[in-house]
Amino acid sequence: MKTFRILGLMLLGMLMVHCGKEDAVAPIADFQFSVDGIEVVFVGVATNASSYSWDFGDGNTSDEQNPTHVYDKPGDYEVTFTAAGDGGADSQTKTITTLPTTEYLLTGGVAASSGKTWLLDFAHSGKDGIGQVKNSLTIDLPLDQDDRLLEWVGLFQGYKDSYTFYHDGKYKVDNADFHGGTLVSMIYANVSGLFNLTPFTEGGDVLGISSQPDLVPLMDLVYSPKQDAVWSINEDDFTVDAINVNDGSAFTETFKGKKQLVLNEYFGFKEYSIVVIIKEITETHLHVAIALHGSQDDPSKPTNLVHLTFYAK
């Protein structure tokens, strides 16, 4: 009798173990994602799972269920999400495509430890010229195919300056290739008190003067750029207090849907105020509109936007 009781208990234990294994249901894994440039938000969807793992396809991983991952560069990546539980594990793999952001195109991204360097392009782009301070960014005086704006006015040295942007928000202006000369607006040069100059006369800090001051009021002056220059991108609407170039009246222009390159040092040329609008940017070219001040009566307000193209070195 005692033997039967022991056998019964053993059979009951085996039955309970067998039932326990049947009760452990296998996980089912899936995931969704949202791409914003090179940043991707992942949402892991799983049933019967107690742990999660991700392989982002670039050598990085995560054990969060809903991680956010920033890729070093744009491209296609095979992403695998795995959900595990008592019933085993299940994986789902999908291909995602990340896109270059303005910041990535400007700097080369995290992987570009030396930054990305831009120089003013002397080649014809079909997108350069001079216009008014308008949200439309219309060019009223386009450059013809044979025109090189700075060469046209005798300031070819402006093509030598380089601008290196880094992912961490810093940038460097290098004007050493032409004896430390920097393009400066004539208005700013005369009212800032920073330069040793006699108006419209070479000598002292003056290395060169525009031959067309009414259209391109720039000078080449000796100047040492800041060593701690920083940049950021503003995608919100912004306003610019300006002067109507035709009648001299003051007005405020609102720029909508534009990307503003916010700087604390010059880009292209040094001016009373720094207003740089990114019109278009690719891996190789940067098209911008830069505010130019041309009013002696109110030098603090720009009168024009100069449309220029820079190329990646």
C-alpha atoms as a PDB file:
ATOM      1  CA  MET A   1       0.000   0.000   0.000  1.00  0.00           C
ATOM      2  CA  LYS A   2       2.819   2.356   0.856  1.00  0.00           C
ATOM      3  CA  THR A   3       4.497   1.515  -2.478  1.00  0.00           C
ATOM      4  CA  PHE A   4       1.393   2.509  -4.461  1.00  0.00           C
ATOM      5  CA  ARG A   5       1.187   5.780  -2.567  1.00  0.00           C
ATOM      6  CA  ILE A   6       4.810   6.651  -3.449  1.00  0.00           C
ATOM      7  CA  LEU A   7       4.268   5.747  -7.102  1.00  0.00           C
ATOM      8  CA  GLY A   8       1.143   7.885  -7.154  1.00  0.00           C
ATOM      9  CA  LEU A   9       3.001  10.884  -5.798  1.00  0.00           C
ATOM     10  CA  MET A  10       5.761  10.410  -8.383  1.00  0.00           C
ATOM     11  CA  LEU A  11       3.250  10.257 -11.235  1.00  0.00           C
ATOM     12  CA  LEU A  12       1.486  13.347  -9.914  1.00  0.00           C
ATOM     13  CA  GLY A  13       4.797  15.240  -9.787  1.00  0.00           C
ATOM     14  CA  MET A  14       5.662  14.224 -13.331  1.00  0.00           C
ATOM     15  CA  LEU A  15       2.220  15.290 -14.513  1.00  0.00           C
ATOM     16  CA  MET A  16       2.583  18.691 -12.848  1.00  0.00           C
ATOM     17  CA  VAL A  17       5.999  19.238 -14.468  1.00  0.00           C
ATOM     18  CA  HIS A  18       4.604  18.215 -17.860  1.00  0.00           C
ATOM     19  CA  CYS A  19       1.662  20.586 -17.510  1.00  0.00           C
ATOM     20  CA  GLY A  20       4.006  23.422 -16.474  1.00  0.00           C
ATOM     21  CA  LYS A  21       5.972  23.083 -19.682  1.00  0.00           C
ATOM     22  CA  GLU A  22       2.787  23.249 -21.758  1.00  0.00           C
ATOM     23  CA  ASP A  23       1.694  26.406 -19.912  1.00  0.00           C
ATOM     24  CA  ALA A  24       4.883  28.359 -20.903  1.00  0.00           C
ATOM     25  CA  VAL A  25       3.720  29.998 -24.131  1.00  0.00           C
ATOM     26  CA  ALA A  26       6.368  31.093 -26.642  1.00  0.00           C
ATOM     27  CA  PRO A  27       6.884  34.871 -27.045  1.00  0.00           C
ATOM     28  CA  ILE A  28       5.892  36.729 -30.193  1.00  0.00           C
ATOM     29  CA  ALA A  29       8.056  39.747 -31.104  1.00  0.00           C
ATOM     30  CA  ASP A  30       7.504  42.685 -33.420  1.00  0.00           C
ATOM     31  CA  PHE A  31       8.531  46.348 -33.429  1.00  0.00           C
ATOM     32  CA  GLN A  32       7.711  49.722 -34.860  1.00  0.00           C
ATOM     33  CA  PHE A  33       9.991  52.708 -35.441  1.00  0.00           C
ATOM     34  CA  SER A  34       9.964  56.402 -36.266  1.00  0.00           C
ATOM     35  CA  VAL A  35      12.886  58.026 -38.112  1.00  0.00           C
ATOM     36  CA  ASP A  36      13.912  61.656 -37.630  1.00  0.00           C
ATOM     37  CA  GLY A  37      17.117  62.146 -39.573  1.00  0.00           C
ATOM     38  CA  ILE A  38      19.694  59.883 -37.943  1.00  0.00           C
ATOM     39  CA  GLU A  39      17.673  59.521 -34.710  1.00  0.00           C
ATOM     40  CA  VAL A  40      15.277  56.581 -34.496  1.00  0.00           C
ATOM     41  CA  VAL A  41      12.658  55.875 -31.835  1.00  0.00           C
ATOM     42  CA  PHE A  42      11.923  52.145 -31.496  1.00  0.00           C
ATOM     43  CA  VAL A  43       8.853  50.563 -29.887  1.00  0.00           C
ATOM     44  CA  GLY A  44       9.130  46.875 -29.072  1.00  0.00           C
ATOM     45  CA  VAL A  45       5.850  44.937 -29.195  1.00  0.00           C
ATOM     46  CA  ALA A  46       5.907  41.498 -27.559  1.00  0.00           C
ATOM     47  CA  THR A  47       3.722  38.948 -25.813  1.00  0.00           C
ATOM     48  CA  ASN A  48       4.777  36.413 -23.179  1.00  0.00           C
ATOM     49  CA  ALA A  49       8.170  38.102 -22.788  1.00  0.00           C
ATOM     50  CA  SER A  50      10.128  39.225 -19.746  1.00  0.00           C
ATOM     51  CA  SER A  51      13.331  40.516 -21.366  1.00  0.00           C
ATOM     52  CA  TYR A  52      14.246  42.327 -24.562  1.00  0.00           C
ATOM     53  CA  SER A  53      17.322  42.959 -26.671  1.00  0.00           C
ATOM     54  CA  TRP A  54      18.090  45.076 -29.717  1.00  0.00           C
ATOM     55  CA  ASP A  55      20.801  44.929 -32.338  1.00  0.00           C
ATOM     56  CA  PHE A  56      20.752  48.279 -34.158  1.00  0.00           C
ATOM     57  CA  GLY A  57      22.873  47.049 -37.057  1.00  0.00           C
ATOM     58  CA  ASP A  58      25.761  49.439 -36.392  1.00  0.00           C
ATOM     59  CA  GLY A  59      27.497  47.556 -33.584  1.00  0.00           C
ATOM     60  CA  ASN A  60      25.316  49.031 -30.826  1.00  0.00           C
ATOM     61  CA  THR A  61      22.743  47.207 -28.695  1.00  0.00           C
ATOM     62  CA  SER A  62      20.132  47.853 -26.010  1.00  0.00           C
ATOM     63  CA  ASP A  63      18.102  45.852 -23.488  1.00  0.00           C
ATOM     64  CA  GLU A  64      15.294  48.415 -23.209  1.00  0.00           C
ATOM     65  CA  GLN A  65      11.891  47.633 -24.648  1.00  0.00           C
ATOM     66  CA  ASN A  66      11.473  51.085 -26.228  1.00  0.00           C
ATOM     67  CA  PRO A  67      14.901  52.622 -26.880  1.00  0.00           C
ATOM     68  CA  THR A  68      15.932  55.697 -28.868  1.00  0.00           C
ATOM     69  CA  HIS A  69      19.098  55.372 -30.925  1.00  0.00           C
ATOM     70  CA  VAL A  70      21.161  57.977 -32.782  1.00  0.00           C
ATOM     71  CA  TYR A  71      23.238  56.662 -35.668  1.00  0.00           C
ATOM     72  CA  ASP A  72      26.615  58.135 -36.546  1.00  0.00           C
ATOM     73  CA  LYS A  73      25.683  58.553 -40.196  1.00  0.00           C
ATOM     74  CA  PRO A  74      22.740  58.108 -42.560  1.00  0.00           C
ATOM     75  CA  GLY A  75      22.218  54.809 -44.366  1.00  0.00           C
ATOM     76  CA  ASP A  76      20.401  51.469 -44.342  1.00  0.00           C
ATOM     77  CA  TYR A  77      20.595  49.320 -41.204  1.00  0.00           C
ATOM     78  CA  GLU A  78      19.334  45.809 -40.380  1.00  0.00           C
ATOM     79  CA  VAL A  79      17.726  46.075 -36.934  1.00  0.00           C
ATOM     80  CA  THR A  80      16.810  42.978 -34.912  1.00  0.00           C
ATOM     81  CA  PHE A  81      14.473  42.958 -31.902  1.00  0.00           C
ATOM     82  CA  THR A  82      14.394  39.863 -29.673  1.00  0.00           C
ATOM     83  CA  ALA A  83      11.857  39.128 -26.954  1.00  0.00           C
ATOM     84  CA  ALA A  84      12.505  36.273 -24.495  1.00  0.00           C
ATOM     85  CA  GLY A  85      10.428  34.549 -21.818  1.00  0.00           C
ATOM     86  CA  ASP A  86       9.796  31.201 -20.123  1.00  0.00           C
ATOM     87  CA  GLY A  87       8.552  29.787 -23.401  1.00  0.00           C
ATOM     88  CA  GLY A  88      11.675  30.672 -25.386  1.00  0.00           C
ATOM     89  CA  ALA A  89      12.560  33.626 -27.616  1.00  0.00           C
ATOM     90  CA  ASP A  90      11.362  35.241 -30.810  1.00  0.00           C
ATOM     91  CA  SER A  91      13.094  37.760 -33.086  1.00  0.00           C
ATOM     92  CA  GLN A  92      12.011  40.212 -35.745  1.00  0.00           C
ATOM     93  CA  THR A  93      14.397  41.900 -38.222  1.00  0.00           C
ATOM     94  CA  LYS A  94      13.624  44.958 -40.338  1.00  0.00           C
ATOM     95  CA  THR A  95      15.612  47.321 -42.552  1.00  0.00           C
ATOM     96  CA  ILE A  96      15.497  50.988 -41.586  1.00  0.00           C
ATOM     97  CA  THR A  97      16.831  53.962 -43.524  1.00  0.00           C
ATOM     98  CA  THR A  98      18.185  56.981 -41.678  1.00  0.00           C
ATOM     99  CA  LEU A  99      18.431  60.333 -43.425  1.00  0.00           C
ATOM    100  CA  PRO A 100      21.049  63.107 -43.214  1.00  0.00           C
ATOM    101  CA  THR A 101      20.054  66.017 -40.980  1.00  0.00           C
ATOM    102  CA  THR A 102      21.169  69.602 -41.497  1.00  0.00           C
ATOM    103  CA  GLU A 103      23.534  69.191 -38.551  1.00  0.00           C
ATOM    104  CA  TYR A 104      25.048  66.047 -40.055  1.00  0.00           C
ATOM    105  CA  LEU A 105      25.517  67.623 -43.482  1.00  0.00           C
ATOM    106  CA  LEU A 106      27.091  70.719 -41.915  1.00  0.00           C
ATOM    107  CA  THR A 107      29.549  68.905 -39.636  1.00  0.00           C
ATOM    108  CA  GLY A 108      30.012  65.394 -40.981  1.00  0.00           C
ATOM    109  CA  GLY A 109      28.450  63.952 -37.822  1.00  0.00           C
ATOM    110  CA  VAL A 110      29.953  62.341 -34.737  1.00  0.00           C
ATOM    111  CA  ALA A 111      32.378  60.243 -36.768  1.00  0.00           C
ATOM    112  CA  ALA A 112      34.013  63.347 -38.291  1.00  0.00           C
ATOM    113  CA  SER A 113      36.331  64.174 -35.394  1.00  0.00           C
ATOM    114  CA  SER A 114      38.111  66.818 -37.487  1.00  0.00           C
ATOM    115  CA  GLY A 115      34.832  68.470 -38.433  1.00  0.00           C
ATOM    116  CA  LYS A 116      33.761  69.496 -41.913  1.00  0.00           C
ATOM    117  CA  THR A 117      35.346  72.454 -43.687  1.00  0.00           C
ATOM    118  CA  TRP A 118      33.551  74.830 -46.063  1.00  0.00           C
ATOM    119  CA  LEU A 119      34.945  77.458 -48.436  1.00  0.00           C
ATOM    120  CA  LEU A 120      33.232  80.078 -50.548  1.00  0.00           C
ATOM    121  CA  ASP A 121      32.651  78.648 -54.013  1.00  0.00           C
ATOM    122  CA  PHE A 122      33.899  80.713 -56.940  1.00  0.00           C
ATOM    123  CA  ALA A 123      32.221  78.418 -59.490  1.00  0.00           C
ATOM    124  CA  HIS A 124      28.882  79.468 -60.979  1.00  0.00           C
ATOM    125  CA  SER A 125      25.985  77.880 -59.061  1.00  0.00           C
ATOM    126  CA  GLY A 126      23.028  79.746 -60.526  1.00  0.00           C
ATOM    127  CA  LYS A 127      21.882  80.506 -56.983  1.00  0.00           C
ATOM    128  CA  ASP A 128      24.068  83.491 -56.065  1.00  0.00           C
ATOM    129  CA  GLY A 129      23.389  87.211 -56.137  1.00  0.00           C
ATOM    130  CA  ILE A 130      21.893  90.046 -54.103  1.00  0.00           C
ATOM    131  CA  GLY A 131      18.317  90.585 -52.931  1.00  0.00           C
ATOM    132  CA  GLN A 132      16.256  92.437 -50.368  1.00  0.00           C
ATOM    133  CA  VAL A 133      15.595  91.273 -46.814  1.00  0.00           C
ATOM    134  CA  LYS A 134      12.509  89.236 -47.665  1.00  0.00           C
ATOM    135  CA  ASN A 135      11.135  85.903 -46.513  1.00  0.00           C
ATOM    136  CA  SER A 136      10.862  84.895 -50.175  1.00  0.00           C
ATOM    137  CA  LEU A 137      14.683  85.008 -50.459  1.00  0.00           C
ATOM    138  CA  THR A 138      14.305  86.443 -53.946  1.00  0.00           C
ATOM    139  CA  ILE A 139      17.495  87.344 -55.813  1.00  0.00           C
ATOM    140  CA  ASP A 140      17.044  90.742 -57.487  1.00  0.00           C
ATOM    141  CA  LEU A 141      20.542  90.916 -58.959  1.00  0.00           C
ATOM    142  CA  PRO A 142      21.630  87.410 -59.966  1.00  0.00           C
ATOM    143  CA  LEU A 143      25.190  86.649 -60.915  1.00  0.00           C
ATOM    144  CA  ASP A 144      25.720  85.719 -64.542  1.00  0.00           C
ATOM    145  CA  GLN A 145      27.570  82.572 -65.469  1.00  0.00           C
ATOM    146  CA  ASP A 146      30.893  84.354 -65.829  1.00  0.00           C
ATOM    147  CA  ASP A 147      30.516  86.422 -62.653  1.00  0.00           C
ATOM    148  CA  ARG A 148      32.405  85.621 -59.484  1.00  0.00           C
ATOM    149  CA  LEU A 149      31.034  88.077 -56.979  1.00  0.00           C
ATOM    150  CA  LEU A 150      34.197  88.743 -54.979  1.00  0.00           C
ATOM    151  CA  GLU A 151      36.539  88.532 -57.939  1.00  0.00           C
ATOM    152  CA  TRP A 152      34.235  90.933 -59.781  1.00  0.00           C
ATOM    153  CA  VAL A 153      34.741  93.583 -57.080  1.00  0.00           C
ATOM    154  CA  GLY A 154      38.445  92.883 -56.522  1.00  0.00           C
ATOM    155  CA  LEU A 155      38.156  90.899 -53.287  1.00  0.00           C
ATOM    156  CA  PHE A 156      39.158  87.441 -54.532  1.00  0.00           C
ATOM    157  CA  GLN A 157      40.966  86.762 -51.249  1.00  0.00           C
ATOM    158  CA  GLY A 158      37.583  86.046 -49.655  1.00  0.00           C
ATOM    159  CA  TYR A 159      37.682  82.673 -51.390  1.00  0.00           C
ATOM    160  CA  LYS A 160      40.605  81.690 -49.150  1.00  0.00           C
ATOM    161  CA  ASP A 161      38.799  81.804 -45.791  1.00  0.00           C
ATOM    162  CA  SER A 162      37.659  78.415 -44.470  1.00  0.00           C
ATOM    163  CA  TYR A 163      34.974  77.537 -41.931  1.00  0.00           C
ATOM    164  CA  THR A 164      35.141  74.233 -40.056  1.00  0.00           C
ATOM    165  CA  PHE A 165      32.051  73.045 -38.179  1.00  0.00           C
ATOM    166  CA  TYR A 166      32.155  70.375 -35.477  1.00  0.00           C
ATOM    167  CA  HIS A 167      29.394  68.093 -34.210  1.00  0.00           C
ATOM    168  CA  ASP A 168      29.740  69.413 -30.641  1.00  0.00           C
ATOM    169  CA  GLY A 169      28.548  72.911 -31.628  1.00  0.00           C
ATOM    170  CA  LYS A 170      31.916  74.590 -32.135  1.00  0.00           C
ATOM    171  CA  TYR A 171      33.320  76.029 -35.327  1.00  0.00           C
ATOM    172  CA  LYS A 172      36.564  77.578 -36.483  1.00  0.00           C
ATOM    173  CA  VAL A 173      37.206  80.437 -38.889  1.00  0.00           C
ATOM    174  CA  ASP A 174      40.621  80.266 -40.555  1.00  0.00           C
ATOM    175  CA  ASN A 175      41.717  83.355 -42.496  1.00  0.00           C
ATOM    176  CA  ALA A 176      45.454  82.684 -42.288  1.00  0.00           C
ATOM    177  CA  ASP A 177      45.789  81.831 -45.979  1.00  0.00           C
ATOM    178  CA  PHE A 178      45.611  85.505 -46.914  1.00  0.00           C
ATOM    179  CA  HIS A 179      47.703  87.387 -44.346  1.00  0.00           C
ATOM    180  CA  GLY A 180      44.929  87.296 -41.734  1.00  0.00           C
ATOM    181  CA  GLY A 181      42.504  89.243 -43.903  1.00  0.00           C
ATOM    182  CA  THR A 182      38.741  89.036 -43.393  1.00  0.00           C
ATOM    183  CA  LEU A 183      35.902  90.370 -45.500  1.00  0.00           C
ATOM    184  CA  VAL A 184      34.100  93.061 -43.484  1.00  0.00           C
ATOM    185  CA  SER A 185      31.154  95.233 -44.482  1.00  0.00           C
ATOM    186  CA  MET A 186      32.132  98.866 -45.006  1.00  0.00           C
ATOM    187  CA  ILE A 187      29.422 100.074 -42.643  1.00  0.00           C
ATOM    188  CA  TYR A 188      30.586  97.828 -39.810  1.00  0.00           C
ATOM    189  CA  ALA A 189      34.239  98.662 -40.464  1.00  0.00           C
ATOM    190  CA  ASN A 190      33.546 102.380 -40.108  1.00  0.00           C
ATOM    191  CA  VAL A 191      31.229 102.328 -37.071  1.00  0.00           C
ATOM    192  CA  SER A 192      32.689  99.503 -34.964  1.00  0.00           C
ATOM    193  CA  GLY A 193      35.939 101.255 -34.045  1.00  0.00           C
ATOM    194  CA  LEU A 194      37.750  97.912 -34.229  1.00  0.00           C
ATOM    195  CA  PHE A 195      39.933  98.719 -37.185  1.00  0.00           C
ATOM    196  CA  ASN A 196      42.737 101.107 -38.083  1.00  0.00           C
ATOM    197  CA  LEU A 197      41.511 102.581 -41.337  1.00  0.00           C
ATOM    198  CA  THR A 198      40.883 105.646 -43.435  1.00  0.00           C
ATOM    199  CA  PRO A 199      37.588 105.240 -45.319  1.00  0.00           C
ATOM    200  CA  PHE A 200      38.030 103.972 -48.896  1.00  0.00           C
ATOM    201  CA  THR A 201      41.827 104.009 -48.607  1.00  0.00           C
ATOM    202  CA  GLU A 202      44.140 101.001 -48.488  1.00  0.00           C
ATOM    203  CA  GLY A 203      46.698 100.939 -45.685  1.00  0.00           C
ATOM    204  CA  GLY A 204      46.711 100.172 -41.979  1.00  0.00           C
ATOM    205  CA  ASP A 205      44.268  97.314 -41.471  1.00  0.00           C
ATOM    206  CA  VAL A 206      42.856  97.683 -44.991  1.00  0.00           C
ATOM    207  CA  LEU A 207      44.080  95.021 -47.415  1.00  0.00           C
ATOM    208  CA  GLY A 208      41.502  95.578 -50.144  1.00  0.00           C
ATOM    209  CA  ILE A 209      38.367  97.568 -51.032  1.00  0.00           C
ATOM    210  CA  SER A 210      35.380  96.637 -53.189  1.00  0.00           C
ATOM    211  CA  SER A 211      35.462  98.318 -56.590  1.00  0.00           C
ATOM    212  CA  GLN A 212      31.646  98.411 -56.554  1.00  0.00           C
ATOM    213  CA  PRO A 213      30.842  99.738 -53.057  1.00  0.00           C
ATOM    214  CA  ASP A 214      27.259 100.657 -53.956  1.00  0.00           C
ATOM    215  CA  LEU A 215      26.480  97.033 -54.839  1.00  0.00           C
ATOM    216  CA  VAL A 216      28.989  95.113 -52.722  1.00  0.00           C
ATOM    217  CA  PRO A 217      30.085  97.312 -49.796  1.00  0.00           C
ATOM    218  CA  LEU A 218      32.851  95.064 -48.484  1.00  0.00           C
ATOM    219  CA  MET A 219      36.482  95.540 -47.485  1.00  0.00           C
ATOM    220  CA  ASP A 220      39.291  93.122 -46.716  1.00  0.00           C
ATOM    221  CA  LEU A 221      40.665  93.941 -43.263  1.00  0.00           C
ATOM    222  CA  VAL A 222      43.186  92.471 -40.852  1.00  0.00           C
ATOM    223  CA  TYR A 223      41.188  90.602 -38.212  1.00  0.00           C
ATOM    224  CA  SER A 224      41.698  87.725 -35.759  1.00  0.00           C
ATOM    225  CA  PRO A 225      38.578  85.512 -35.524  1.00  0.00           C
ATOM    226  CA  LYS A 226      37.300  84.236 -32.180  1.00  0.00           C
ATOM    227  CA  GLN A 227      38.824  80.995 -30.971  1.00  0.00           C
ATOM    228  CA  ASP A 228      35.669  79.901 -29.133  1.00  0.00           C
ATOM    229  CA  ALA A 229      33.112  80.325 -31.924  1.00  0.00           C
ATOM    230  CA  VAL A 230      29.911  78.276 -31.591  1.00  0.00           C
ATOM    231  CA  TRP A 231      26.977  77.449 -33.842  1.00  0.00           C
ATOM    232  CA  SER A 232      23.418  76.105 -33.647  1.00  0.00           C
ATOM    233  CA  ILE A 233      20.435  75.641 -35.950  1.00  0.00           C
ATOM    234  CA  ASN A 234      17.186  77.535 -35.359  1.00  0.00           C
ATOM    235  CA  GLU A 235      14.156  76.135 -37.185  1.00  0.00           C
ATOM    236  CA  ASP A 236      11.593  78.399 -35.495  1.00  0.00           C
ATOM    237  CA  ASP A 237      10.221  81.497 -37.195  1.00  0.00           C
ATOM    238  CA  PHE A 238      12.323  84.596 -36.552  1.00  0.00           C
ATOM    239  CA  THR A 239      12.235  88.314 -37.347  1.00  0.00           C
ATOM    240  CA  VAL A 240      14.818  90.722 -38.736  1.00  0.00           C
ATOM    241  CA  ASP A 241      14.606  94.510 -38.370  1.00  0.00           C
ATOM    242  CA  ALA A 242      15.741  95.873 -41.726  1.00  0.00           C
ATOM    243  CA  ILE A 243      15.961  98.936 -43.956  1.00  0.00           C
ATOM    244  CA  ASN A 244      14.182  99.179 -47.308  1.00  0.00           C
ATOM    245  CA  VAL A 245      16.988  99.646 -49.799  1.00  0.00           C
ATOM    246  CA  ASN A 246      14.742 101.676 -52.131  1.00  0.00           C
ATOM    247  CA  ASP A 247      13.351 104.372 -49.820  1.00  0.00           C
ATOM    248  CA  GLY A 248      15.330 103.992 -46.581  1.00  0.00           C
ATOM    249  CA  SER A 249      12.277 103.147 -44.464  1.00  0.00           C
ATOM    250  CA  ALA A 250      12.543 100.701 -41.574  1.00  0.00           C
ATOM    251  CA  PHE A 251      10.504  97.498 -41.472  1.00  0.00           C
ATOM    252  CA  THR A 252      10.429  94.123 -39.742  1.00  0.00           C
ATOM    253  CA  GLU A 253      10.504  90.966 -41.823  1.00  0.00           C
ATOM    254  CA  THR A 254       9.312  87.626 -40.461  1.00  0.00           C
ATOM    255  CA  PHE A 255      11.065  84.561 -41.814  1.00  0.00           C
ATOM    256  CA  LYS A 256       8.876  81.462 -41.788  1.00  0.00           C
ATOM    257  CA  GLY A 257       9.856  77.894 -42.503  1.00  0.00           C
ATOM    258  CA  LYS A 258      13.532  78.776 -42.767  1.00  0.00           C
ATOM    259  CA  LYS A 259      16.626  77.324 -41.116  1.00  0.00           C
ATOM    260  CA  GLN A 260      18.814  79.935 -39.448  1.00  0.00           C
ATOM    261  CA  LEU A 261      22.478  79.215 -38.814  1.00  0.00           C
ATOM    262  CA  VAL A 262      23.012  80.939 -35.461  1.00  0.00           C
ATOM    263  CA  LEU A 263      26.633  82.031 -34.965  1.00  0.00           C
ATOM    264  CA  ASN A 264      28.734  84.196 -32.672  1.00  0.00           C
ATOM    265  CA  GLU A 265      31.409  84.798 -35.319  1.00  0.00           C
ATOM    266  CA  TYR A 266      31.228  85.648 -38.984  1.00  0.00           C
ATOM    267  CA  PHE A 267      30.508  83.352 -41.906  1.00  0.00           C
ATOM    268  CA  GLY A 268      31.395  84.657 -45.364  1.00  0.00           C
ATOM    269  CA  PHE A 269      31.982  88.209 -44.159  1.00  0.00           C
ATOM    270  CA  LYS A 270      31.937  90.048 -40.837  1.00  0.00           C
ATOM    271  CA  GLU A 271      28.925  92.260 -40.263  1.00  0.00           C
ATOM    272  CA  TYR A 272      27.180  94.423 -37.649  1.00  0.00           C
ATOM    273  CA  SER A 273      24.700  91.620 -37.006  1.00  0.00           C
ATOM    274  CA  ILE A 274      25.050  87.965 -37.966  1.00  0.00           C
ATOM    275  CA  VAL A 275      22.058  86.691 -39.926  1.00  0.00           C
ATOM    276  CA  VAL A 276      22.734  83.552 -41.954  1.00  0.00           C
ATOM    277  CA  ILE A 277      19.855  81.634 -43.545  1.00  0.00           C
ATOM    278  CA  ILE A 278      20.413  78.136 -44.907  1.00  0.00           C
ATOM    279  CA  LYS A 279      18.630  77.914 -48.252  1.00  0.00           C
ATOM    280  CA  GLU A 280      19.846  74.433 -49.153  1.00  0.00           C
ATOM    281  CA  ILE A 281      22.521  72.022 -47.978  1.00  0.00           C
ATOM    282  CA  THR A 282      23.866  68.790 -49.465  1.00  0.00           C
ATOM    283  CA  GLU A 283      26.924  66.641 -48.825  1.00  0.00           C
ATOM    284  CA  THR A 284      28.976  68.920 -51.077  1.00  0.00           C
ATOM    285  CA  HIS A 285      27.345  72.373 -51.223  1.00  0.00           C
ATOM    286  CA  LEU A 286      25.825  74.917 -48.850  1.00  0.00           C
ATOM    287  CA  HIS A 287      23.634  77.717 -50.231  1.00  0.00           C
ATOM    288  CA  VAL A 288      23.025  80.601 -47.818  1.00  0.00           C
ATOM    289  CA  ALA A 289      21.640  84.125 -47.630  1.00  0.00           C
ATOM    290  CA  ILE A 290      23.659  86.485 -45.408  1.00  0.00           C
ATOM    291  CA  ALA A 291      22.473  89.881 -44.158  1.00  0.00           C
ATOM    292  CA  LEU A 292      24.439  92.896 -45.424  1.00  0.00           C
ATOM    293  CA  HIS A 293      24.209  96.346 -43.820  1.00  0.00           C
ATOM    294  CA  GLY A 294      24.337  99.231 -46.276  1.00  0.00           C
ATOM    295  CA  SER A 295      22.708 102.188 -44.525  1.00  0.00           C
ATOM    296  CA  GLN A 296      24.917 104.888 -43.009  1.00  0.00           C
ATOM    297  CA  ASP A 297      21.866 106.410 -41.305  1.00  0.00           C
ATOM    298  CA  ASP A 298      20.951 103.182 -39.480  1.00  0.00           C
ATOM    299  CA  PRO A 299      23.958 100.850 -39.579  1.00  0.00           C
ATOM    300  CA  SER A 300      22.455  98.369 -37.109  1.00  0.00           C
ATOM    301  CA  LYS A 301      19.874  97.140 -39.641  1.00  0.00           C
ATOM    302  CA  PRO A 302      20.578  95.170 -42.835  1.00  0.00           C
ATOM    303  CA  THR A 303      19.523  96.424 -46.249  1.00  0.00           C
ATOM    304  CA  ASN A 304      20.181  93.325 -48.340  1.00  0.00           C
ATOM    305  CA  LEU A 305      20.698  89.597 -48.346  1.00  0.00           C
ATOM    306  CA  VAL A 306      23.770  88.360 -50.180  1.00  0.00           C
ATOM    307  CA  HIS A 307      23.206  84.880 -51.619  1.00  0.00           C
ATOM    308  CA  LEU A 308      26.379  82.788 -51.661  1.00  0.00           C
ATOM    309  CA  THR A 309      27.421  79.184 -52.205  1.00  0.00           C
ATOM    310  CA  PHE A 310      30.034  77.308 -50.171  1.00  0.00           C
ATOM    311  CA  TYR A 311      31.574  73.961 -51.044  1.00  0.00           C
ATOM    312  CA  ALA A 312      32.816  71.186 -48.762  1.00  0.00           C
ATOM    313  CA  LYS A 313      36.584  70.809 -48.789  1.00  0.00           C
END
